[in-house]
PDB file of N, CA and C in Angstrom:
ATOM      1  N   MET A   1       0.831  -1.211   0.000  1.00  0.00           N
ATOM      2  CA  MET A   1       0.000   0.000   0.000  1.00  0.00           C
ATOM      3  C   MET A   1       0.869   1.265   0.000  1.00  0.00           C
ATOM      4  N   ILE A   2       1.898   1.272   0.843  1.00  0.00           N
ATOM      5  CA  ILE A   2       2.788   2.432   0.909  1.00  0.00           C
ATOM      6  C   ILE A   2       3.541   2.597  -0.412  1.00  0.00           C
ATOM      7  N   LYS A   3       3.971   1.452  -1.000  1.00  0.00           N
ATOM      8  CA  LYS A   3       4.661   1.508  -2.290  1.00  0.00           C
ATOM      9  C   LYS A   3       3.752   2.105  -3.350  1.00  0.00           C
ATOM     10  N   LYS A   4       2.481   1.680  -3.342  1.00  0.00           N
ATOM     11  CA  LYS A   4       1.507   2.175  -4.319  1.00  0.00           C
ATOM     12  C   LYS A   4       1.386   3.693  -4.207  1.00  0.00           C
ATOM     13  N   LEU A   5       1.242   4.191  -2.983  1.00  0.00           N
ATOM     14  CA  LEU A   5       1.123   5.633  -2.767  1.00  0.00           C
ATOM     15  C   LEU A   5       2.384   6.353  -3.224  1.00  0.00           C
ATOM     16  N   GLY A   6       3.522   5.720  -2.995  1.00  0.00           N
ATOM     17  CA  GLY A   6       4.797   6.298  -3.424  1.00  0.00           C
ATOM     18  C   GLY A   6       4.864   6.445  -4.930  1.00  0.00           C
ATOM     19  N   TYR A   7       4.447   5.393  -5.641  1.00  0.00           N
ATOM     20  CA  TYR A   7       4.442   5.444  -7.107  1.00  0.00           C
ATOM     21  C   TYR A   7       3.514   6.544  -7.610  1.00  0.00           C
ATOM     22  N   VAL A   8       2.321   6.615  -7.037  1.00  0.00           N
ATOM     23  CA  VAL A   8       1.343   7.617  -7.468  1.00  0.00           C
ATOM     24  C   VAL A   8       1.867   9.023  -7.192  1.00  0.00           C
ATOM     25  N   ALA A   9       2.414   9.236  -5.999  1.00  0.00           N
ATOM     26  CA  ALA A   9       2.938  10.553  -5.627  1.00  0.00           C
ATOM     27  C   ALA A   9       4.099  10.945  -6.536  1.00  0.00           C
ATOM     28  N   THR A  10       5.004   9.990  -6.807  1.00  0.00           N
ATOM     29  CA  THR A  10       6.147  10.261  -7.677  1.00  0.00           C
ATOM     30  C   THR A  10       5.671  10.627  -9.072  1.00  0.00           C
ATOM     31  N   GLY A  11       4.717   9.848  -9.589  1.00  0.00           N
ATOM     32  CA  GLY A  11       4.171  10.135 -10.915  1.00  0.00           C
ATOM     33  C   GLY A  11       3.546  11.514 -10.967  1.00  0.00           C
ATOM     34  N   PHE A  12       2.804  11.848  -9.921  1.00  0.00           N
ATOM     35  CA  PHE A  12       2.133  13.147  -9.865  1.00  0.00           C
ATOM     36  C   PHE A  12       3.148  14.286  -9.854  1.00  0.00           C
ATOM     37  N   LEU A  13       4.190  14.148  -9.020  1.00  0.00           N
ATOM     38  CA  LEU A  13       5.214  15.190  -8.936  1.00  0.00           C
ATOM     39  C   LEU A  13       5.964  15.329 -10.252  1.00  0.00           C
ATOM     40  N   LEU A  14       6.290  14.198 -10.893  1.00  0.00           N
ATOM     41  CA  LEU A  14       6.968  14.240 -12.191  1.00  0.00           C
ATOM     42  C   LEU A  14       6.107  14.961 -13.217  1.00  0.00           C
ATOM     43  N   CYS A  15       4.818  14.672 -13.216  1.00  0.00           N
ATOM     44  CA  CYS A  15       3.896  15.334 -14.148  1.00  0.00           C
ATOM     45  C   CYS A  15       3.909  16.838 -13.933  1.00  0.00           C
ATOM     46  N   LEU A  16       3.880  17.253 -12.681  1.00  0.00           N
ATOM     47  CA  LEU A  16       3.883  18.688 -12.388  1.00  0.00           C
ATOM     48  C   LEU A  16       5.179  19.330 -12.877  1.00  0.00           C
ATOM     49  N   LEU A  17       6.303  18.648 -12.640  1.00  0.00           N
ATOM     50  CA  LEU A  17       7.591  19.187 -13.074  1.00  0.00           C
ATOM     51  C   LEU A  17       7.663  19.277 -14.594  1.00  0.00           C
ATOM     52  N   ILE A  18       7.199  18.214 -15.272  1.00  0.00           N
ATOM     53  CA  ILE A  18       7.272  18.157 -16.732  1.00  0.00           C
ATOM     54  C   ILE A  18       6.382  19.218 -17.376  1.00  0.00           C
ATOM     55  N   THR A  19       5.177  19.392 -16.846  1.00  0.00           N
ATOM     56  CA  THR A  19       4.212  20.272 -17.509  1.00  0.00           C
ATOM     57  C   THR A  19       4.302  21.722 -17.051  1.00  0.00           C
ATOM     58  N   LYS A  20       5.109  22.003 -16.035  1.00  0.00           N
ATOM     59  CA  LYS A  20       5.203  23.383 -15.537  1.00  0.00           C
ATOM     60  C   LYS A  20       6.186  24.168 -16.411  1.00  0.00           C
ATOM     61  N   GLN A  21       5.759  24.420 -17.642  1.00  0.00           N
ATOM     62  CA  GLN A  21       6.593  25.152 -18.588  1.00  0.00           C
ATOM     63  C   GLN A  21       5.839  26.385 -19.063  1.00  0.00           C
ATOM     64  N   PRO A  22       6.560  27.465 -19.306  1.00  0.00           N
ATOM     65  CA  PRO A  22       5.934  28.761 -19.576  1.00  0.00           C
ATOM     66  C   PRO A  22       5.086  28.819 -20.846  1.00  0.00           C
ATOM     67  N   PHE A  23       5.355  27.954 -21.826  1.00  0.00           N
ATOM     68  CA  PHE A  23       4.615  28.050 -23.080  1.00  0.00           C
ATOM     69  C   PHE A  23       3.301  27.273 -23.078  1.00  0.00           C
ATOM     70  N   PHE A  24       2.934  26.683 -21.943  1.00  0.00           N
ATOM     71  CA  PHE A  24       1.615  26.064 -21.813  1.00  0.00           C
ATOM     72  C   PHE A  24       0.694  27.040 -21.089  1.00  0.00           C
ATOM     73  N   ASN A  25      -0.568  27.099 -21.495  1.00  0.00           N
ATOM     74  CA  ASN A  25      -1.504  27.874 -20.683  1.00  0.00           C
ATOM     75  C   ASN A  25      -2.071  26.951 -19.603  1.00  0.00           C
ATOM     76  N   GLU A  26      -2.794  27.519 -18.649  1.00  0.00           N
ATOM     77  CA  GLU A  26      -3.238  26.740 -17.482  1.00  0.00           C
ATOM     78  C   GLU A  26      -4.103  25.546 -17.861  1.00  0.00           C
ATOM     79  N   LYS A  27      -5.009  25.739 -18.819  1.00  0.00           N
ATOM     80  CA  LYS A  27      -5.919  24.659 -19.200  1.00  0.00           C
ATOM     81  C   LYS A  27      -5.132  23.484 -19.782  1.00  0.00           C
ATOM     82  N   GLU A  28      -4.146  23.791 -20.652  1.00  0.00           N
ATOM     83  CA  GLU A  28      -3.329  22.734 -21.254  1.00  0.00           C
ATOM     84  C   GLU A  28      -2.541  21.992 -20.180  1.00  0.00           C
ATOM     85  N   ILE A  29      -1.993  22.726 -19.230  1.00  0.00           N
ATOM     86  CA  ILE A  29      -1.222  22.096 -18.153  1.00  0.00           C
ATOM     87  C   ILE A  29      -2.105  21.108 -17.395  1.00  0.00           C
ATOM     88  N   ILE A  30      -3.320  21.534 -17.052  1.00  0.00           N
ATOM     89  CA  ILE A  30      -4.230  20.668 -16.299  1.00  0.00           C
ATOM     90  C   ILE A  30      -4.570  19.423 -17.109  1.00  0.00           C
ATOM     91  N   GLU A  31      -4.891  19.609 -18.403  1.00  0.00           N
ATOM     92  CA  GLU A  31      -5.255  18.468 -19.249  1.00  0.00           C
ATOM     93  C   GLU A  31      -4.092  17.497 -19.398  1.00  0.00           C
ATOM     94  N   ILE A  32      -2.894  18.023 -19.678  1.00  0.00           N
ATOM     95  CA  ILE A  32      -1.720  17.168 -19.860  1.00  0.00           C
ATOM     96  C   ILE A  32      -1.400  16.431 -18.567  1.00  0.00           C
ATOM     97  N   THR A  33      -1.452  17.147 -17.448  1.00  0.00           N
ATOM     98  CA  THR A  33      -1.159  16.529 -16.152  1.00  0.00           C
ATOM     99  C   THR A  33      -2.139  15.408 -15.859  1.00  0.00           C
ATOM    100  N   LEU A  34      -3.433  15.646 -16.108  1.00  0.00           N
ATOM    101  CA  LEU A  34      -4.441  14.612 -15.867  1.00  0.00           C
ATOM    102  C   LEU A  34      -4.196  13.400 -16.749  1.00  0.00           C
ATOM    103  N   LEU A  35      -3.856  13.624 -18.020  1.00  0.00           N
ATOM    104  CA  LEU A  35      -3.576  12.509 -18.932  1.00  0.00           C
ATOM    105  C   LEU A  35      -2.384  11.702 -18.432  1.00  0.00           C
ATOM    106  N   LYS A  36      -1.329  12.399 -17.998  1.00  0.00           N
ATOM    107  CA  LYS A  36      -0.134  11.699 -17.531  1.00  0.00           C
ATOM    108  C   LYS A  36      -0.416  10.933 -16.242  1.00  0.00           C
ATOM    109  N   ILE A  37      -1.232  11.509 -15.365  1.00  0.00           N
ATOM    110  CA  ILE A  37      -1.590  10.817 -14.126  1.00  0.00           C
ATOM    111  C   ILE A  37      -2.359   9.545 -14.454  1.00  0.00           C
ATOM    112  N   GLN A  38      -3.286   9.618 -15.418  1.00  0.00           N
ATOM    113  CA  GLN A  38      -4.055   8.437 -15.809  1.00  0.00           C
ATOM    114  C   GLN A  38      -3.125   7.355 -16.343  1.00  0.00           C
ATOM    115  N   LYS A  39      -2.150   7.738 -17.182  1.00  0.00           N
ATOM    116  CA  LYS A  39      -1.198   6.771 -17.732  1.00  0.00           C
ATOM    117  C   LYS A  39      -0.371   6.161 -16.609  1.00  0.00           C
ATOM    118  N   ASN A  40       0.126   7.011 -15.701  1.00  0.00           N
ATOM    119  CA  ASN A  40       0.922   6.522 -14.576  1.00  0.00           C
ATOM    120  C   ASN A  40       0.102   5.600 -13.693  1.00  0.00           C
ATOM    121  N   HIS A  41      -1.172   5.923 -13.498  1.00  0.00           N
ATOM    122  CA  HIS A  41      -2.036   5.103 -12.656  1.00  0.00           C
ATOM    123  C   HIS A  41      -2.169   3.703 -13.254  1.00  0.00           C
ATOM    124  N   ARG A  42      -2.325   3.625 -14.576  1.00  0.00           N
ATOM    125  CA  ARG A  42      -2.407   2.317 -15.238  1.00  0.00           C
ATOM    126  C   ARG A  42      -1.119   1.542 -15.034  1.00  0.00           C
ATOM    127  N   LEU A  43       0.013   2.226 -15.153  1.00  0.00           N
ATOM    128  CA  LEU A  43       1.313   1.582 -14.951  1.00  0.00           C
ATOM    129  C   LEU A  43       1.432   1.053 -13.530  1.00  0.00           C
ATOM    130  N   VAL A  44       1.025   1.863 -12.571  1.00  0.00           N
ATOM    131  CA  VAL A  44       1.073   1.460 -11.164  1.00  0.00           C
ATOM    132  C   VAL A  44       0.207   0.231 -10.935  1.00  0.00           C
ATOM    133  N   MET A  45      -1.002   0.240 -11.502  1.00  0.00           N
ATOM    134  CA  MET A  45      -1.901  -0.908 -11.337  1.00  0.00           C
ATOM    135  C   MET A  45      -1.284  -2.161 -11.941  1.00  0.00           C
ATOM    136  N   LEU A  46      -0.644  -2.022 -13.114  1.00  0.00           N
ATOM    137  CA  LEU A  46       0.012  -3.173 -13.748  1.00  0.00           C
ATOM    138  C   LEU A  46       1.139  -3.693 -12.861  1.00  0.00           C
ATOM    139  N   LEU A  47       1.923  -2.781 -12.287  1.00  0.00           N
ATOM    140  CA  LEU A  47       3.022  -3.187 -11.405  1.00  0.00           C
ATOM    141  C   LEU A  47       2.493  -3.938 -10.190  1.00  0.00           C
ATOM    142  N   ILE A  48       1.403  -3.439  -9.622  1.00  0.00           N
ATOM    143  CA  ILE A  48       0.825  -4.071  -8.430  1.00  0.00           C
ATOM    144  C   ILE A  48       0.274  -5.449  -8.775  1.00  0.00           C
ATOM    145  N   LEU A  49      -0.445  -5.541  -9.903  1.00  0.00           N
ATOM    146  CA  LEU A  49      -1.044  -6.818 -10.294  1.00  0.00           C
ATOM    147  C   LEU A  49       0.016  -7.852 -10.646  1.00  0.00           C
ATOM    148  N   SER A  50       1.138  -7.404 -11.222  1.00  0.00           N
ATOM    149  CA  SER A  50       2.171  -8.355 -11.643  1.00  0.00           C
ATOM    150  C   SER A  50       3.076  -8.769 -10.481  1.00  0.00           C
ATOM    151  N   ALA A  51       3.026  -8.037  -9.369  1.00  0.00           N
ATOM    152  CA  ALA A  51       3.897  -8.338  -8.221  1.00  0.00           C
ATOM    153  C   ALA A  51       3.449  -9.598  -7.493  1.00  0.00           C
TER     154      ALA A  51
END
């Protein structure tokens, strides 16, 4: 459970770092971040199921 939260938190922070660029407007940042979180969440679920 703690590992799962760690993966999700890491993915979320990476998304924020990646998308926090000046040439994106706020709406694009939110959309891109949400898409990346969804992708990371699927990866996390796959890692958990395969463990």
